Structure formats: structure tokens, C-alpha cells
Amino acid sequence: MTLDDFQKHWLAQDHKIDEVLRINKQLQLRAGLAAPRSSLKWLRAGALFEILFGVLCLFWTGSFIHAHITELRFALPAAALHLWLVATVATQVARFIRAGAIEYDAPILEIQGQIEALRVLTLRSLRWLFVFGVPIWVVPFTIVAARAWFGIDVYAWVGGAVLLATLAASVVLGLAVLAVCRLCAKRLDRSPRMRQIVRSLSGHNLTAAQEQLAKLAAFERGE
């Protein structure tokens, strides 16, 4: 064997070793995706539970509206609560579908983008559901629950003026929380602590999936 033949053989073997290492790295990356996949399965399970619970609540508010359709003082608060529940269920359905549509055969960076989109959807929906939920749960829910469960007329018990003032105060509170959230969002780039808090608000399973994918991305880059 000449020196030239030996060099060609050596380069061929070196290329095979590189190819084996590349394949092995890809296999490790794909095996590592089991962790974020599991986290998102739990996220979907939680979303499914909230969907089923929300549907039961919708049956309850729907039956209450039907029973008090001629009494607007009860029907209107129940309708407001019903619409909020519809939005909640729709949000959970969107999260359930979005989490199930993630393509794990895609590059790690693309998977991270899909999960980031799911996180953004979660945070935005939580923000608006909370803003509208504060006044809904303070006044309409109290009116409906007291009437449905205990037969109490809250209007007669505390007075319409008090209910109206409470509703206005809860609306102001909701808007104040929204303003604080927007102010905090502007500080995200400058505050690692704030980013961590926002991540935790999106849910444990989603946060875990993002952290697991970040480790896989670092491994893919060789860090």
C-alpha cells in the first residue's frame, strides 16, 4: 500500500467516524426529546381536565340562564359568567391543540419556536382572562352562585348600589393589574428574575419543556 493509498484509506475511515458521531449525536438529541414530549403530555392532560370542567360549568350557567330568562337581574350576570367560561374553554382547547401539533421531528430550534408560541398564547390568554375574570367572579358569580346554591337574592341582601360600586372597583383592579403586567413586560430584557417569574406563570410543564429543550439546543451546539 502506497502512502497515497494509506492517506485515502485514513480519510475514509475518519469520514466514517465523523458520520457515526453525527448519527449518534442525532440519536441522543431525539432520545432527549422524550422529556419535553412528556412535559407537554401532562400539559395537554391538564388542559383536557380544564376543558371538561369548563364544559360542566357551562351546562350549569346555561341551565341557570334558562331558568331565570325572564329575570334579567339574574340572567345578565349569568350570561356574563357564561361568556367568560366560553372564553376559558376556548383557550384551553387552543392550548390542547397547539401542544399536540408540535412536530418533534423538526430541528430543535424550530421546536423551541413552536413551544414559545404556545407560551405566548398561554400568557396572553391568562392576562385577558384574569382582567375580565376579576369583575366577573367578584359580582356576577356571587349573584349567580348565591341564587343557585342558597336561594339568596344578593340584590336585596346588599343593595344594587353596593354591587355596582363593587363591580366598578373590580374593573379598576383588573385594569390596574393589566397595567402592571405591561410595565413588567417592558423590564423583561433587563431582569432575569422577571423573565423567570413570567415563565413560571405559563405553567410548570411548559416551563419544564422549554428548559429541557434549551439543554438539548446547547448540546446540539456542543456547549
Protein backbone atom coordinates (compact mmCIF):
# COMPACT_ATOMS: atom_id res chain seq x y z
CA MET A 1 0.00 0.00 0.00
CA THR A 2 1.41 3.34 -1.07
CA LEU A 3 1.41 6.43 1.15
CA ASP A 4 -1.26 7.99 -1.06
CA ASP A 5 -3.49 4.92 -0.69
CA PHE A 6 -2.93 4.96 3.06
CA GLN A 7 -3.97 8.62 3.28
CA LYS A 8 -7.12 7.95 1.27
CA HIS A 9 -7.97 5.00 3.50
CA TRP A 10 -7.32 7.10 6.61
CA LEU A 11 -9.53 9.94 5.35
CA ALA A 12 -12.31 7.47 4.50
CA GLN A 13 -12.16 5.98 7.98
CA ASP A 14 -12.08 9.45 9.51
CA HIS A 15 -15.18 10.39 7.49
CA LYS A 16 -16.96 7.24 8.69
CA ILE A 17 -16.11 8.06 12.30
CA ASP A 18 -17.45 11.60 11.86
CA GLU A 19 -20.63 10.20 10.32
CA VAL A 20 -21.07 7.73 13.19
CA LEU A 21 -20.56 10.52 15.73
CA ARG A 22 -23.05 12.73 13.90
CA ILE A 23 -25.65 9.97 13.82
CA ASN A 24 -25.02 9.17 17.48
CA LYS A 25 -25.50 12.84 18.38
CA GLN A 26 -28.76 12.96 16.44
CA LEU A 27 -29.96 9.82 18.21
CA GLN A 28 -29.13 11.36 21.58
CA LEU A 29 -30.99 14.53 20.65
CA ARG A 30 -34.07 12.59 19.57
CA ALA A 31 -33.92 10.48 22.74
CA GLY A 32 -33.66 13.69 24.75
CA LEU A 33 -36.93 14.91 23.23
CA ALA A 34 -38.76 12.32 25.34
CA ALA A 35 -38.55 14.67 28.34
CA PRO A 36 -40.21 17.75 26.77
CA ARG A 37 -42.69 15.47 25.00
CA SER A 38 -43.67 14.02 28.38
CA SER A 39 -43.98 17.52 29.91
CA LEU A 40 -46.31 18.61 27.11
CA LYS A 41 -48.37 15.44 27.50
CA TRP A 42 -49.02 16.48 31.10
CA LEU A 43 -49.84 19.98 29.87
CA ARG A 44 -52.41 18.51 27.47
CA ALA A 45 -53.83 16.34 30.25
CA GLY A 46 -54.28 19.42 32.44
CA ALA A 47 -55.85 21.35 29.58
CA LEU A 48 -58.24 18.47 28.89
CA PHE A 49 -59.29 18.40 32.54
CA GLU A 50 -59.96 22.14 32.47
CA ILE A 51 -61.95 21.75 29.24
CA LEU A 52 -64.16 19.06 30.78
CA PHE A 53 -64.62 21.05 33.98
CA GLY A 54 -65.36 24.18 31.96
CA VAL A 55 -68.00 22.36 29.92
CA LEU A 56 -69.71 21.23 33.13
CA CYS A 57 -69.69 24.84 34.35
CA LEU A 58 -71.19 25.93 31.03
CA PHE A 59 -74.04 23.46 31.49
CA TRP A 60 -74.61 24.91 34.96
CA THR A 61 -74.65 28.55 33.82
CA GLY A 62 -76.71 27.65 30.74
CA SER A 63 -79.37 25.94 32.85
CA PHE A 64 -79.38 28.89 35.25
CA ILE A 65 -79.92 31.35 32.38
CA HIS A 66 -82.76 29.18 31.05
CA ALA A 67 -84.40 29.04 34.48
CA HIS A 68 -84.14 32.82 35.01
CA ILE A 69 -84.53 34.06 31.44
CA THR A 70 -87.38 36.39 32.48
CA GLU A 71 -85.39 37.81 35.41
CA LEU A 72 -82.73 39.96 33.81
CA ARG A 73 -81.09 40.84 37.11
CA PHE A 74 -80.08 37.17 37.35
CA ALA A 75 -79.91 36.25 33.66
CA LEU A 76 -77.48 39.05 32.69
CA PRO A 77 -74.82 38.24 35.35
CA ALA A 78 -75.16 34.56 34.43
CA ALA A 79 -74.68 35.43 30.74
CA ALA A 80 -71.51 37.39 31.57
CA LEU A 81 -70.18 34.44 33.57
CA HIS A 82 -71.17 32.07 30.76
CA LEU A 83 -69.27 34.10 28.15
CA TRP A 84 -66.17 34.18 30.35
CA LEU A 85 -66.35 30.40 30.71
CA VAL A 86 -66.71 30.05 26.93
CA ALA A 87 -63.51 32.07 26.50
CA THR A 88 -61.75 29.94 29.11
CA VAL A 89 -62.76 26.67 27.45
CA ALA A 90 -61.80 28.01 24.01
CA THR A 91 -58.38 28.98 25.36
CA GLN A 92 -57.79 25.53 26.81
CA VAL A 93 -58.91 23.91 23.56
CA ALA A 94 -56.41 26.08 21.67
CA ARG A 95 -53.62 25.11 24.09
CA PHE A 96 -54.56 21.43 23.85
CA ILE A 97 -54.47 21.51 20.04
CA ARG A 98 -51.31 23.64 19.83
CA ALA A 99 -49.42 21.36 22.25
CA GLY A 100 -50.50 18.28 20.29
CA ALA A 101 -49.43 19.78 16.96
CA ILE A 102 -45.76 20.24 17.89
CA GLU A 103 -43.55 18.47 15.35
CA TYR A 104 -40.84 16.61 17.24
CA ASP A 105 -39.12 15.55 14.00
CA ALA A 106 -38.32 19.19 13.28
CA PRO A 107 -34.98 20.82 14.22
CA ILE A 108 -34.58 21.71 17.90
CA LEU A 109 -34.67 25.44 17.13
CA GLU A 110 -37.99 25.05 15.32
CA ILE A 111 -39.46 23.02 18.18
CA GLN A 112 -38.38 25.77 20.57
CA GLY A 113 -40.22 28.28 18.39
CA GLN A 114 -43.41 26.23 18.48
CA ILE A 115 -43.26 25.93 22.27
CA GLU A 116 -42.51 29.64 22.60
CA ALA A 117 -45.65 30.36 20.55
CA LEU A 118 -47.59 28.14 22.95
CA ARG A 119 -46.12 30.05 25.90
CA VAL A 120 -47.12 33.39 24.37
CA LEU A 121 -50.65 32.08 23.78
CA THR A 122 -50.83 30.91 27.39
CA LEU A 123 -49.61 34.19 28.89
CA ARG A 124 -51.82 36.39 26.71
CA SER A 125 -54.91 34.34 27.43
CA LEU A 126 -54.16 34.26 31.16
CA ARG A 127 -53.74 38.04 31.16
CA TRP A 128 -57.06 38.77 29.49
CA LEU A 129 -58.97 36.04 31.32
CA PHE A 130 -57.72 37.49 34.59
CA VAL A 131 -58.53 41.07 33.65
CA PHE A 132 -62.12 40.18 32.76
CA GLY A 133 -62.31 37.45 35.37
CA VAL A 134 -61.79 39.77 38.34
CA PRO A 135 -65.08 41.68 37.87
CA ILE A 136 -66.88 38.56 36.62
CA TRP A 137 -66.01 36.47 39.68
CA VAL A 138 -66.45 39.26 42.21
CA VAL A 139 -70.02 40.27 41.26
CA PRO A 140 -71.78 38.11 38.61
CA PHE A 141 -70.53 34.83 40.06
CA THR A 142 -71.56 35.89 43.56
CA ILE A 143 -75.05 36.79 42.32
CA VAL A 144 -75.49 33.54 40.38
CA ALA A 145 -73.95 31.21 42.98
CA ALA A 146 -75.90 32.72 45.86
CA ARG A 147 -79.16 32.38 43.94
CA ALA A 148 -78.48 28.89 42.55
CA TRP A 149 -77.00 27.26 45.64
CA PHE A 150 -78.66 29.07 48.55
CA GLY A 151 -81.68 30.80 47.03
CA ILE A 152 -80.33 34.18 48.18
CA ASP A 153 -81.12 37.38 46.30
CA VAL A 154 -77.87 39.34 46.63
CA TYR A 155 -79.56 42.47 45.25
CA ALA A 156 -81.97 42.51 48.18
CA TRP A 157 -79.25 41.47 50.63
CA VAL A 158 -76.56 44.11 49.95
CA GLY A 159 -78.32 46.52 47.60
CA GLY A 160 -77.80 47.37 43.95
CA ALA A 161 -75.65 50.41 44.71
CA VAL A 162 -73.13 48.31 46.63
CA LEU A 163 -72.99 45.74 43.84
CA LEU A 164 -72.44 48.44 41.24
CA ALA A 165 -69.66 50.04 43.28
CA THR A 166 -68.03 46.65 43.82
CA LEU A 167 -68.22 45.90 40.11
CA ALA A 168 -66.61 49.25 39.26
CA ALA A 169 -63.85 48.68 41.82
CA SER A 170 -63.15 45.20 40.45
CA VAL A 171 -62.93 46.58 36.90
CA VAL A 172 -60.41 49.17 38.08
CA LEU A 173 -58.46 46.43 39.85
CA GLY A 174 -58.37 44.32 36.70
CA LEU A 175 -57.16 47.24 34.59
CA ALA A 176 -54.54 48.09 37.21
CA VAL A 177 -53.21 44.54 37.10
CA LEU A 178 -53.09 44.76 33.29
CA ALA A 179 -51.08 47.99 33.52
CA VAL A 180 -48.65 46.38 35.97
CA CYS A 181 -48.25 43.38 33.64
CA ARG A 182 -47.41 45.65 30.72
CA LEU A 183 -44.93 47.57 32.83
CA CYS A 184 -43.27 44.33 33.89
CA ALA A 185 -43.15 43.14 30.28
CA LYS A 186 -41.01 46.16 29.40
CA ARG A 187 -38.46 45.10 32.01
CA LEU A 188 -38.14 41.50 30.81
CA ASP A 189 -34.99 42.11 28.78
CA ARG A 190 -33.28 43.80 31.73
CA SER A 191 -34.39 41.47 34.51
CA PRO A 192 -33.59 37.73 34.51
CA ARG A 193 -35.67 37.42 37.67
CA MET A 194 -38.68 38.91 35.91
CA ARG A 195 -38.25 36.52 32.98
CA GLN A 196 -38.23 33.62 35.43
CA ILE A 197 -41.46 34.83 37.05
CA VAL A 198 -43.16 35.15 33.65
CA ARG A 199 -42.01 31.67 32.70
CA SER A 200 -43.49 30.26 35.90
CA LEU A 201 -46.83 31.91 35.12
CA SER A 202 -47.07 29.90 31.91
CA GLY A 203 -47.19 26.67 33.92
CA HIS A 204 -44.75 24.12 35.31
CA ASN A 205 -44.96 21.66 32.42
CA LEU A 206 -44.47 24.29 29.73
CA THR A 207 -41.55 25.81 31.64
CA ALA A 208 -40.01 22.37 32.08
CA ALA A 209 -40.33 21.64 28.36
CA GLN A 210 -38.61 24.92 27.49
CA GLU A 211 -35.76 24.28 29.92
CA GLN A 212 -35.27 20.73 28.61
CA LEU A 213 -35.18 21.97 25.03
CA ALA A 214 -32.68 24.68 25.97
CA LYS A 215 -30.34 21.97 27.28
CA LEU A 216 -30.79 19.96 24.08
CA ALA A 217 -30.05 23.05 21.99
CA ALA A 218 -26.87 23.65 23.99
CA PHE A 219 -25.86 20.01 23.47
CA GLU A 220 -26.54 20.34 19.74
CA ARG A 221 -24.22 23.38 19.61
CA GLY A 222 -21.58 21.43 21.51
CA GLU A 223 -21.68 23.63 24.60
